[in-house]
């Protein structure tokens, strides 16, 4: 993973580095150092893609909740 890919995926989440760190429980200094002090870890892509999938799923749930509320 390079800086451009990281930035693109981070942008898709709508989060900044500090918010990502808090969300996944990694110290901000660690996330902030990725790509400058140390290479991006192999799991960075997985984390960002997982956040994007969860956000998408939350949008779907929010959209269908009113429909299912009366059915259940």
Protein backbone atom coordinates (compact mmCIF):
# COMPACT_ATOMS: atom_id res chain seq x y z
CA UNK A 1 0.00 0.00 0.00
CA UNK A 2 1.30 3.42 -0.89
CA UNK A 3 0.38 6.88 0.36
CA UNK A 4 -2.06 7.57 -2.48
CA UNK A 5 -3.99 4.36 -1.92
CA UNK A 6 -4.09 4.96 1.84
CA UNK A 7 -5.34 8.52 1.36
CA UNK A 8 -7.97 7.39 -1.17
CA UNK A 9 -9.35 4.69 1.12
CA UNK A 10 -9.19 6.97 4.16
CA UNK A 11 -11.09 9.61 2.20
CA UNK A 12 -13.79 7.07 1.33
CA UNK A 13 -14.32 6.43 5.05
CA UNK A 14 -14.85 10.13 5.75
CA UNK A 15 -12.47 9.82 8.68
CA UNK A 16 -9.16 11.45 9.44
CA UNK A 17 -6.16 9.59 10.87
CA UNK A 18 -7.06 10.46 14.47
CA UNK A 19 -10.66 9.24 14.06
CA UNK A 20 -9.46 6.04 12.39
CA UNK A 21 -7.03 5.41 15.24
CA UNK A 22 -9.76 5.91 17.85
CA UNK A 23 -12.23 3.74 15.93
CA UNK A 24 -9.91 0.75 15.61
CA UNK A 25 -8.06 1.16 18.91
CA UNK A 26 -4.60 1.93 17.54
CA UNK A 27 -2.57 4.77 19.04
CA UNK A 28 -2.77 7.89 16.89
CA UNK A 29 1.04 8.16 16.81
CA UNK A 30 1.18 4.74 15.18
CA UNK A 31 -1.37 5.57 12.48
CA UNK A 32 0.18 8.99 11.93
CA UNK A 33 3.59 7.39 11.38
CA UNK A 34 2.37 5.08 8.64
CA UNK A 35 3.94 5.99 5.34
CA UNK A 36 6.47 8.40 6.82
CA UNK A 37 8.27 6.87 9.79
CA UNK A 38 7.32 3.28 8.97
CA UNK A 39 5.77 1.59 5.93
CA UNK A 40 2.03 1.08 5.80
CA UNK A 41 1.30 -2.22 7.56
CA UNK A 42 -0.23 -5.05 5.52
CA UNK A 43 -3.44 -4.81 7.55
CA UNK A 44 -4.04 -1.10 6.81
CA UNK A 45 -5.91 -1.88 3.57
CA UNK A 46 -8.03 -4.48 5.35
CA UNK A 47 -8.91 -2.04 8.16
CA UNK A 48 -9.95 0.72 5.80
CA UNK A 49 -11.93 -1.61 3.54
CA UNK A 50 -13.67 -3.08 6.59
CA UNK A 51 -14.63 0.40 7.83
CA UNK A 52 -16.04 1.24 4.38
CA UNK A 53 -18.08 -2.00 4.31
CA UNK A 54 -19.42 -1.41 7.82
CA UNK A 55 -20.41 2.15 6.94
CA UNK A 56 -22.21 0.89 3.84
CA UNK A 57 -24.00 -1.80 5.83
CA UNK A 58 -25.06 0.77 8.44
CA UNK A 59 -26.59 2.89 5.65
CA UNK A 60 -28.51 -0.12 4.32
CA UNK A 61 -29.79 -1.03 7.79
CA UNK A 62 -30.87 2.55 8.41
CA UNK A 63 -32.72 2.59 5.08
CA UNK A 64 -34.63 -0.66 5.65
CA UNK A 65 -35.30 -0.27 9.38
CA UNK A 66 -38.48 1.77 8.88
CA UNK A 67 -39.79 -0.80 6.43
CA UNK A 68 -39.04 -3.77 8.66
CA UNK A 69 -40.18 -2.08 11.84
CA UNK A 70 -43.84 -2.59 10.96
CA UNK A 71 -43.27 -6.14 9.66
CA UNK A 72 -41.58 -7.64 12.69
